[in-house]
């Protein structure tokens, strides 16, 4: 008996491969379209960003060139300084205020008020607000010059005048000898080294002779300490504190402590005549 065959039927394995090929082509086209879509979207966003940036820069430039003071505020100050700095900036209210004028105002404040630090003049680009900020220097010591004028020194080694210091309970340093109009770095180093003595030996007045480079000290009980040359001060202060601690237990002060012959290992202690 002869079996018949259907030669028109495609093998099952061939159909399976064709379906896989169709799926692969469909998936590839989808990813290509997705990449093209993201590329177009990225181009639109980038173009918008660039255009927006240029527009913002142009608008900012217009605002900078034609900036005017609408409101004004002074921060960081109080009392007379607040009123004075506010009055100094008041004429600019509702006026054109270019960047060069902001720089000039800052320099004017620094020149007229040397007791101020961290001075800044900022313009609110879109708000029209002029903000002036500053801080009152905190003195470390008060300088009494030979002519009687008073100055101060702060932590930045800045020497300045201040009719109303932020802190008044500070050591007094009486300057004697040839005192220049502006203390140079060498003198400031000597002053700062002597101010450190306050941490170990409390004093009311420090006398510094800038010509001879000598140091004298007055204590609250009237005791006077003559350190002589401004050298080995830390060692001298430690020795003075030790000597005075023993003397106050045995004798009645005030005393005079003299380091004139300290280089030879001798210190003179005498009772001060009242």
C-alpha atoms as a PDB file:
ATOM      1  CA  UNK A   1       0.000   0.000   0.000  1.00  0.00           C
ATOM      2  CA  UNK A   2       1.388   3.410  -0.983  1.00  0.00           C
ATOM      3  CA  UNK A   3       1.222   6.206   1.661  1.00  0.00           C
ATOM      4  CA  UNK A   4       0.381   9.718   0.425  1.00  0.00           C
ATOM      5  CA  UNK A   5       2.283  12.789   1.546  1.00  0.00           C
ATOM      6  CA  UNK A   6       1.253  16.480   1.738  1.00  0.00           C
ATOM      7  CA  UNK A   7       4.143  18.259   0.174  1.00  0.00           C
ATOM      8  CA  UNK A   8       2.452  21.723   0.418  1.00  0.00           C
ATOM      9  CA  UNK A   9       2.694  21.783   4.259  1.00  0.00           C
ATOM     10  CA  UNK A  10       5.717  23.675   5.515  1.00  0.00           C
ATOM     11  CA  UNK A  11       7.733  22.060   8.216  1.00  0.00           C
ATOM     12  CA  UNK A  12       6.906  23.316  11.740  1.00  0.00           C
ATOM     13  CA  UNK A  13      10.503  24.196  12.479  1.00  0.00           C
ATOM     14  CA  UNK A  14      10.635  26.630   9.538  1.00  0.00           C
ATOM     15  CA  UNK A  15       7.531  28.509  10.755  1.00  0.00           C
ATOM     16  CA  UNK A  16       9.060  28.825  14.215  1.00  0.00           C
ATOM     17  CA  UNK A  17      12.207  30.409  12.781  1.00  0.00           C
ATOM     18  CA  UNK A  18      10.197  32.849  10.684  1.00  0.00           C
ATOM     19  CA  UNK A  19       8.240  34.009  13.709  1.00  0.00           C
ATOM     20  CA  UNK A  20      11.451  34.606  15.641  1.00  0.00           C
ATOM     21  CA  UNK A  21      12.896  36.599  12.767  1.00  0.00           C
ATOM     22  CA  UNK A  22       9.731  38.738  12.557  1.00  0.00           C
ATOM     23  CA  UNK A  23       9.880  39.446  16.306  1.00  0.00           C
ATOM     24  CA  UNK A  24      13.519  40.460  16.114  1.00  0.00           C
ATOM     25  CA  UNK A  25      12.860  42.883  13.273  1.00  0.00           C
ATOM     26  CA  UNK A  26       9.879  44.376  15.116  1.00  0.00           C
ATOM     27  CA  UNK A  27      11.902  44.820  18.339  1.00  0.00           C
ATOM     28  CA  UNK A  28      14.810  46.440  16.478  1.00  0.00           C
ATOM     29  CA  UNK A  29      12.509  48.942  14.775  1.00  0.00           C
ATOM     30  CA  UNK A  30      10.960  49.825  18.175  1.00  0.00           C
ATOM     31  CA  UNK A  31      14.325  50.586  19.781  1.00  0.00           C
ATOM     32  CA  UNK A  32      15.437  52.624  16.772  1.00  0.00           C
ATOM     33  CA  UNK A  33      12.265  54.701  16.977  1.00  0.00           C
ATOM     34  CA  UNK A  34      12.756  55.121  20.734  1.00  0.00           C
ATOM     35  CA  UNK A  35      16.340  56.333  20.252  1.00  0.00           C
ATOM     36  CA  UNK A  36      15.229  58.794  17.576  1.00  0.00           C
ATOM     37  CA  UNK A  37      12.471  60.079  19.868  1.00  0.00           C
ATOM     38  CA  UNK A  38      14.854  60.623  22.779  1.00  0.00           C
ATOM     39  CA  UNK A  39      17.366  62.318  20.460  1.00  0.00           C
ATOM     40  CA  UNK A  40      14.727  64.728  19.186  1.00  0.00           C
ATOM     41  CA  UNK A  41      13.472  65.379  22.707  1.00  0.00           C
ATOM     42  CA  UNK A  42      17.026  65.989  23.959  1.00  0.00           C
ATOM     43  CA  UNK A  43      17.660  68.404  21.103  1.00  0.00           C
ATOM     44  CA  UNK A  44      14.497  70.345  21.924  1.00  0.00           C
ATOM     45  CA  UNK A  45      15.396  70.513  25.626  1.00  0.00           C
ATOM     46  CA  UNK A  46      18.999  71.557  24.907  1.00  0.00           C
ATOM     47  CA  UNK A  47      17.828  74.228  22.485  1.00  0.00           C
ATOM     48  CA  UNK A  48      15.378  75.523  25.089  1.00  0.00           C
ATOM     49  CA  UNK A  49      18.094  75.547  27.741  1.00  0.00           C
ATOM     50  CA  UNK A  50      20.561  77.455  25.543  1.00  0.00           C
ATOM     51  CA  UNK A  51      17.908  79.915  24.442  1.00  0.00           C
ATOM     52  CA  UNK A  52      16.672  80.401  27.997  1.00  0.00           C
ATOM     53  CA  UNK A  53      20.219  80.953  29.279  1.00  0.00           C
ATOM     54  CA  UNK A  54      20.903  83.599  26.649  1.00  0.00           C
ATOM     55  CA  UNK A  55      17.588  85.297  27.407  1.00  0.00           C
ATOM     56  CA  UNK A  56      18.327  85.259  31.134  1.00  0.00           C
ATOM     57  CA  UNK A  57      21.811  86.675  30.570  1.00  0.00           C
ATOM     58  CA  UNK A  58      20.394  89.432  28.412  1.00  0.00           C
ATOM     59  CA  UNK A  59      17.710  90.301  30.948  1.00  0.00           C
ATOM     60  CA  UNK A  60      20.306  90.202  33.751  1.00  0.00           C
ATOM     61  CA  UNK A  61      22.579  92.525  31.788  1.00  0.00           C
ATOM     62  CA  UNK A  62      19.720  94.957  31.314  1.00  0.00           C
ATOM     63  CA  UNK A  63      18.943  94.779  35.037  1.00  0.00           C
ATOM     64  CA  UNK A  64      22.617  95.288  35.982  1.00  0.00           C
ATOM     65  CA  UNK A  65      23.082  98.283  33.697  1.00  0.00           C
ATOM     66  CA  UNK A  66      19.867  99.984  34.774  1.00  0.00           C
ATOM     67  CA  UNK A  67      19.794  98.821  38.416  1.00  0.00           C
ATOM     68  CA  UNK A  68      18.123 101.219  40.864  1.00  0.00           C
ATOM     69  CA  UNK A  69      17.820 101.178  44.644  1.00  0.00           C
ATOM     70  CA  UNK A  70      14.263 100.367  45.667  1.00  0.00           C
ATOM     71  CA  UNK A  71      14.839  99.369  49.291  1.00  0.00           C
ATOM     72  CA  UNK A  72      17.858  99.459  51.583  1.00  0.00           C
ATOM     73  CA  UNK A  73      19.031  97.520  54.653  1.00  0.00           C
ATOM     74  CA  UNK A  74      22.095  97.652  56.928  1.00  0.00           C
ATOM     75  CA  UNK A  75      22.831  94.432  58.822  1.00  0.00           C
ATOM     76  CA  UNK A  76      25.408  93.522  61.464  1.00  0.00           C
ATOM     77  CA  UNK A  77      25.505  96.941  63.144  1.00  0.00           C
ATOM     78  CA  UNK A  78      23.574  98.691  65.880  1.00  0.00           C
ATOM     79  CA  UNK A  79      23.349 102.021  67.679  1.00  0.00           C
ATOM     80  CA  UNK A  80      25.231 105.030  66.296  1.00  0.00           C
ATOM     81  CA  UNK A  81      27.129 103.001  63.711  1.00  0.00           C
ATOM     82  CA  UNK A  82      23.875 101.637  62.296  1.00  0.00           C
ATOM     83  CA  UNK A  83      22.417 105.128  61.994  1.00  0.00           C
ATOM     84  CA  UNK A  84      25.582 106.620  60.519  1.00  0.00           C
ATOM     85  CA  UNK A  85      26.098 103.941  57.858  1.00  0.00           C
ATOM     86  CA  UNK A  86      22.402 104.092  56.979  1.00  0.00           C
ATOM     87  CA  UNK A  87      22.666 107.872  56.565  1.00  0.00           C
ATOM     88  CA  UNK A  88      25.743 107.410  54.394  1.00  0.00           C
ATOM     89  CA  UNK A  89      23.812 105.205  51.985  1.00  0.00           C
ATOM     90  CA  UNK A  90      20.497 107.115  52.170  1.00  0.00           C
ATOM     91  CA  UNK A  91      21.228 109.466  49.206  1.00  0.00           C
ATOM     92  CA  UNK A  92      21.232 106.460  46.853  1.00  0.00           C
ATOM     93  CA  UNK A  93      17.596 105.616  47.619  1.00  0.00           C
ATOM     94  CA  UNK A  94      15.540 105.383  44.366  1.00  0.00           C
ATOM     95  CA  UNK A  95      18.659 106.285  42.351  1.00  0.00           C
ATOM     96  CA  UNK A  96      20.590 104.443  39.651  1.00  0.00           C
ATOM     97  CA  UNK A  97      23.330 102.437  41.348  1.00  0.00           C
ATOM     98  CA  UNK A  98      25.883 100.801  38.987  1.00  0.00           C
ATOM     99  CA  UNK A  99      28.495  98.334  40.211  1.00  0.00           C
ATOM    100  CA  UNK A 100      31.276 100.944  40.311  1.00  0.00           C
ATOM    101  CA  UNK A 101      29.189 103.001  42.715  1.00  0.00           C
ATOM    102  CA  UNK A 102      28.776  99.955  44.976  1.00  0.00           C
ATOM    103  CA  UNK A 103      32.579  99.574  45.072  1.00  0.00           C
ATOM    104  CA  UNK A 104      32.994 103.276  45.833  1.00  0.00           C
ATOM    105  CA  UNK A 105      30.453 103.122  48.673  1.00  0.00           C
ATOM    106  CA  UNK A 106      32.272 100.192  50.271  1.00  0.00           C
ATOM    107  CA  UNK A 107      35.602 102.036  50.120  1.00  0.00           C
ATOM    108  CA  UNK A 108      33.974 105.124  51.620  1.00  0.00           C
ATOM    109  CA  UNK A 109      32.603 103.123  54.548  1.00  0.00           C
ATOM    110  CA  UNK A 110      36.001 101.518  55.217  1.00  0.00           C
ATOM    111  CA  UNK A 111      37.723 104.899  55.094  1.00  0.00           C
ATOM    112  CA  UNK A 112      35.305 106.722  57.385  1.00  0.00           C
ATOM    113  CA  UNK A 113      34.771 103.832  59.801  1.00  0.00           C
ATOM    114  CA  UNK A 114      38.059 101.937  60.338  1.00  0.00           C
ATOM    115  CA  UNK A 115      36.494 100.127  63.290  1.00  0.00           C
ATOM    116  CA  UNK A 116      34.372  98.097  60.849  1.00  0.00           C
ATOM    117  CA  UNK A 117      35.411  94.869  59.162  1.00  0.00           C
ATOM    118  CA  UNK A 118      33.888  92.390  56.680  1.00  0.00           C
ATOM    119  CA  UNK A 119      32.156  95.278  54.895  1.00  0.00           C
ATOM    120  CA  UNK A 120      30.121  94.300  51.834  1.00  0.00           C
ATOM    121  CA  UNK A 121      27.696  96.166  49.561  1.00  0.00           C
ATOM    122  CA  UNK A 122      25.380  93.862  47.626  1.00  0.00           C
ATOM    123  CA  UNK A 123      22.650  94.605  45.104  1.00  0.00           C
ATOM    124  CA  UNK A 124      19.601  92.378  44.813  1.00  0.00           C
ATOM    125  CA  UNK A 125      19.461  91.916  41.052  1.00  0.00           C
ATOM    126  CA  UNK A 126      15.718  91.314  40.800  1.00  0.00           C
ATOM    127  CA  UNK A 127      14.506  92.673  44.147  1.00  0.00           C
ATOM    128  CA  UNK A 128      16.183  96.082  43.865  1.00  0.00           C
ATOM    129  CA  UNK A 129      17.338  95.768  47.486  1.00  0.00           C
ATOM    130  CA  UNK A 130      20.642  97.331  48.549  1.00  0.00           C
ATOM    131  CA  UNK A 131      22.152  95.361  51.445  1.00  0.00           C
ATOM    132  CA  UNK A 132      25.113  96.710  53.408  1.00  0.00           C
ATOM    133  CA  UNK A 133      26.666  94.350  55.937  1.00  0.00           C
ATOM    134  CA  UNK A 134      29.551  94.952  58.348  1.00  0.00           C
ATOM    135  CA  UNK A 135      30.905  93.891  61.729  1.00  0.00           C
ATOM    136  CA  UNK A 136      32.306  95.960  64.586  1.00  0.00           C
ATOM    137  CA  UNK A 137      35.932  95.003  65.295  1.00  0.00           C
ATOM    138  CA  UNK A 138      36.566  93.402  68.693  1.00  0.00           C
ATOM    139  CA  UNK A 139      39.716  94.904  70.277  1.00  0.00           C
ATOM    140  CA  UNK A 140      42.352  92.871  72.066  1.00  0.00           C
ATOM    141  CA  UNK A 141      44.034  95.872  73.655  1.00  0.00           C
ATOM    142  CA  UNK A 142      43.909  99.640  73.889  1.00  0.00           C
ATOM    143  CA  UNK A 143      46.917 101.667  72.757  1.00  0.00           C
ATOM    144  CA  UNK A 144      47.732 104.932  74.488  1.00  0.00           C
ATOM    145  CA  UNK A 145      50.142 106.869  72.293  1.00  0.00           C
ATOM    146  CA  UNK A 146      52.631 109.442  73.671  1.00  0.00           C
ATOM    147  CA  UNK A 147      50.424 112.289  72.401  1.00  0.00           C
ATOM    148  CA  UNK A 148      47.444 110.899  74.335  1.00  0.00           C
ATOM    149  CA  UNK A 149      45.584 109.547  71.318  1.00  0.00           C
ATOM    150  CA  UNK A 150      43.878 106.193  71.766  1.00  0.00           C
ATOM    151  CA  UNK A 151      43.902 103.341  69.270  1.00  0.00           C
ATOM    152  CA  UNK A 152      43.036  99.656  69.360  1.00  0.00           C
ATOM    153  CA  UNK A 153      44.388  96.400  67.969  1.00  0.00           C
ATOM    154  CA  UNK A 154      42.204  93.427  66.976  1.00  0.00           C
ATOM    155  CA  UNK A 155      42.851  89.754  66.255  1.00  0.00           C
ATOM    156  CA  UNK A 156      43.873  90.571  62.676  1.00  0.00           C
ATOM    157  CA  UNK A 157      46.686  92.836  63.976  1.00  0.00           C
ATOM    158  CA  UNK A 158      44.809  95.851  62.614  1.00  0.00           C
ATOM    159  CA  UNK A 159      45.458  99.155  64.389  1.00  0.00           C
ATOM    160  CA  UNK A 160      42.436 101.447  64.276  1.00  0.00           C
ATOM    161  CA  UNK A 161      40.691 104.352  65.997  1.00  0.00           C
ATOM    162  CA  UNK A 162      37.284 103.841  67.603  1.00  0.00           C
ATOM    163  CA  UNK A 163      35.437 106.454  69.715  1.00  0.00           C
ATOM    164  CA  UNK A 164      32.928 103.813  70.841  1.00  0.00           C
ATOM    165  CA  UNK A 165      34.696 100.423  71.034  1.00  0.00           C
ATOM    166  CA  UNK A 166      32.586  97.282  71.146  1.00  0.00           C
ATOM    167  CA  UNK A 167      34.550  96.086  74.195  1.00  0.00           C
ATOM    168  CA  UNK A 168      36.029  98.468  76.768  1.00  0.00           C
ATOM    169  CA  UNK A 169      37.434  96.036  79.343  1.00  0.00           C
ATOM    170  CA  UNK A 170      40.700  95.324  77.534  1.00  0.00           C
ATOM    171  CA  UNK A 171      44.363  95.681  78.582  1.00  0.00           C
ATOM    172  CA  UNK A 172      45.945  99.123  78.241  1.00  0.00           C
ATOM    173  CA  UNK A 173      49.224  99.351  76.356  1.00  0.00           C
ATOM    174  CA  UNK A 174      51.079 102.627  76.872  1.00  0.00           C
ATOM    175  CA  UNK A 175      53.395 103.255  73.940  1.00  0.00           C
ATOM    176  CA  UNK A 176      56.515 105.284  74.600  1.00  0.00           C
ATOM    177  CA  UNK A 177      59.641 106.237  72.708  1.00  0.00           C
ATOM    178  CA  UNK A 178      59.736 106.804  68.973  1.00  0.00           C
ATOM    179  CA  UNK A 179      56.232 105.701  67.984  1.00  0.00           C
ATOM    180  CA  UNK A 180      55.582 105.822  64.205  1.00  0.00           C
ATOM    181  CA  UNK A 181      52.249 106.920  62.779  1.00  0.00           C
ATOM    182  CA  UNK A 182      51.670 103.361  61.619  1.00  0.00           C
ATOM    183  CA  UNK A 183      53.088 100.430  63.551  1.00  0.00           C
ATOM    184  CA  UNK A 184      55.038  98.053  61.342  1.00  0.00           C
ATOM    185  CA  UNK A 185      55.010  94.269  61.549  1.00  0.00           C
ATOM    186  CA  UNK A 186      57.985  94.147  63.937  1.00  0.00           C
ATOM    187  CA  UNK A 187      56.279  96.374  66.507  1.00  0.00           C
ATOM    188  CA  UNK A 188      53.011  94.472  66.180  1.00  0.00           C
ATOM    189  CA  UNK A 189      54.833  91.193  66.904  1.00  0.00           C
ATOM    190  CA  UNK A 190      56.258  92.697  70.093  1.00  0.00           C
ATOM    191  CA  UNK A 191      52.846  93.978  71.151  1.00  0.00           C
ATOM    192  CA  UNK A 192      51.120  90.662  70.491  1.00  0.00           C
ATOM    193  CA  UNK A 193      53.773  88.729  72.407  1.00  0.00           C
ATOM    194  CA  UNK A 194      53.330  91.030  75.414  1.00  0.00           C
ATOM    195  CA  UNK A 195      49.544  90.743  75.257  1.00  0.00           C
ATOM    196  CA  UNK A 196      49.897  87.000  75.761  1.00  0.00           C
ATOM    197  CA  UNK A 197      51.318  87.745  79.193  1.00  0.00           C
ATOM    198  CA  UNK A 198      47.772  88.575  80.339  1.00  0.00           C
ATOM    199  CA  UNK A 199      46.977  84.878  80.303  1.00  0.00           C
ATOM    200  CA  UNK A 200      49.590  84.120  82.978  1.00  0.00           C
ATOM    201  CA  UNK A 201      50.028  87.369  84.891  1.00  0.00           C
ATOM    202  CA  UNK A 202      47.000  89.681  85.096  1.00  0.00           C
ATOM    203  CA  UNK A 203      47.893  93.319  84.579  1.00  0.00           C
ATOM    204  CA  UNK A 204      46.098  96.632  84.225  1.00  0.00           C
ATOM    205  CA  UNK A 205      48.656  98.523  82.148  1.00  0.00           C
ATOM    206  CA  UNK A 206      51.477  97.466  79.899  1.00  0.00           C
ATOM    207  CA  UNK A 207      54.181 100.011  79.047  1.00  0.00           C
ATOM    208  CA  UNK A 208      56.045  99.347  75.837  1.00  0.00           C
ATOM    209  CA  UNK A 209      58.983 101.501  74.771  1.00  0.00           C
ATOM    210  CA  UNK A 210      59.333 101.053  71.029  1.00  0.00           C
ATOM    211  CA  UNK A 211      62.715 102.773  70.901  1.00  0.00           C
ATOM    212  CA  UNK A 212      64.467 100.678  73.546  1.00  0.00           C
ATOM    213  CA  UNK A 213      62.252  97.609  73.046  1.00  0.00           C
ATOM    214  CA  UNK A 214      61.625  97.358  76.786  1.00  0.00           C
ATOM    215  CA  UNK A 215      58.506  96.256  78.657  1.00  0.00           C
ATOM    216  CA  UNK A 216      57.047  97.348  82.004  1.00  0.00           C
ATOM    217  CA  UNK A 217      53.875  96.106  83.657  1.00  0.00           C
ATOM    218  CA  UNK A 218      51.487  97.429  86.311  1.00  0.00           C
ATOM    219  CA  UNK A 219      49.373  94.950  88.278  1.00  0.00           C
ATOM    220  CA  UNK A 220      45.969  95.611  89.917  1.00  0.00           C
ATOM    221  CA  UNK A 221      47.482  95.849  93.444  1.00  0.00           C
ATOM    222  CA  UNK A 222      49.988  98.516  92.363  1.00  0.00           C
ATOM    223  CA  UNK A 223      52.900  96.114  91.855  1.00  0.00           C
ATOM    224  CA  UNK A 224      55.246  97.085  89.039  1.00  0.00           C
ATOM    225  CA  UNK A 225      57.299  94.633  86.992  1.00  0.00           C
ATOM    226  CA  UNK A 226      60.185  95.859  84.873  1.00  0.00           C
ATOM    227  CA  UNK A 227      60.991  93.123  82.365  1.00  0.00           C
ATOM    228  CA  UNK A 228      63.746  95.112  80.700  1.00  0.00           C
ATOM    229  CA  UNK A 229      64.378  94.037  77.064  1.00  0.00           C
ATOM    230  CA  UNK A 230      61.379  92.506  75.302  1.00  0.00           C
ATOM    231  CA  UNK A 231      62.977  89.063  75.051  1.00  0.00           C
ATOM    232  CA  UNK A 232      62.322  85.749  76.827  1.00  0.00           C
ATOM    233  CA  UNK A 233      59.090  87.324  78.076  1.00  0.00           C
ATOM    234  CA  UNK A 234      57.322  84.041  78.703  1.00  0.00           C
ATOM    235  CA  UNK A 235      60.147  82.833  80.930  1.00  0.00           C
ATOM    236  CA  UNK A 236      60.239  86.164  82.756  1.00  0.00           C
ATOM    237  CA  UNK A 237      56.500  86.160  83.390  1.00  0.00           C
ATOM    238  CA  UNK A 238      56.648  82.649  84.843  1.00  0.00           C
ATOM    239  CA  UNK A 239      59.496  83.673  87.164  1.00  0.00           C
ATOM    240  CA  UNK A 240      57.712  86.882  88.201  1.00  0.00           C
ATOM    241  CA  UNK A 241      54.540  84.949  89.083  1.00  0.00           C
ATOM    242  CA  UNK A 242      56.568  82.519  91.217  1.00  0.00           C
ATOM    243  CA  UNK A 243      58.445  85.287  93.047  1.00  0.00           C
ATOM    244  CA  UNK A 244      55.302  87.323  93.732  1.00  0.00           C
ATOM    245  CA  UNK A 245      53.423  84.253  95.014  1.00  0.00           C
ATOM    246  CA  UNK A 246      56.137  83.714  97.658  1.00  0.00           C
ATOM    247  CA  UNK A 247      56.557  87.427  98.490  1.00  0.00           C
ATOM    248  CA  UNK A 248      52.847  88.021  99.116  1.00  0.00           C
ATOM    249  CA  UNK A 249      52.832  85.309 101.785  1.00  0.00           C
ATOM    250  CA  UNK A 250      55.689  86.904 103.731  1.00  0.00           C
ATOM    251  CA  UNK A 251      55.566  90.630 103.038  1.00  0.00           C
ATOM    252  CA  UNK A 252      53.107  93.435 102.453  1.00  0.00           C
ATOM    253  CA  UNK A 253      52.844  94.721  98.919  1.00  0.00           C
ATOM    254  CA  UNK A 254      52.820  96.315  96.493  1.00  0.00           C
ATOM    255  CA  UNK A 255      56.226  95.342  95.134  1.00  0.00           C
ATOM    256  CA  UNK A 256      58.717  96.273  92.460  1.00  0.00           C
ATOM    257  CA  UNK A 257      60.157  93.378  90.449  1.00  0.00           C
ATOM    258  CA  UNK A 258      63.242  94.221  88.388  1.00  0.00           C
ATOM    259  CA  UNK A 259      64.645  91.935  85.684  1.00  0.00           C
ATOM    260  CA  UNK A 260      67.541  94.234  84.858  1.00  0.00           C
ATOM    261  CA  UNK A 261      70.119  91.542  85.670  1.00  0.00           C
ATOM    262  CA  UNK A 262      68.034  88.548  84.618  1.00  0.00           C
ATOM    263  CA  UNK A 263      70.704  87.479  82.139  1.00  0.00           C
ATOM    264  CA  UNK A 264      72.956  86.820  85.146  1.00  0.00           C
ATOM    265  CA  UNK A 265      70.248  84.825  86.895  1.00  0.00           C
ATOM    266  CA  UNK A 266      69.275  87.609  89.338  1.00  0.00           C
ATOM    267  CA  UNK A 267      65.899  89.193  90.015  1.00  0.00           C
ATOM    268  CA  UNK A 268      65.444  92.123  92.373  1.00  0.00           C
ATOM    269  CA  UNK A 269      62.296  92.279  94.511  1.00  0.00           C
ATOM    270  CA  UNK A 270      61.618  95.299  96.718  1.00  0.00           C
ATOM    271  CA  UNK A 271      58.614  96.718  98.491  1.00  0.00           C
ATOM    272  CA  UNK A 272      57.152  99.692  96.691  1.00  0.00           C
ATOM    273  CA  UNK A 273      57.188 102.908  98.695  1.00  0.00           C
ATOM    274  CA  UNK A 274      53.742 104.472  98.894  1.00  0.00           C
END
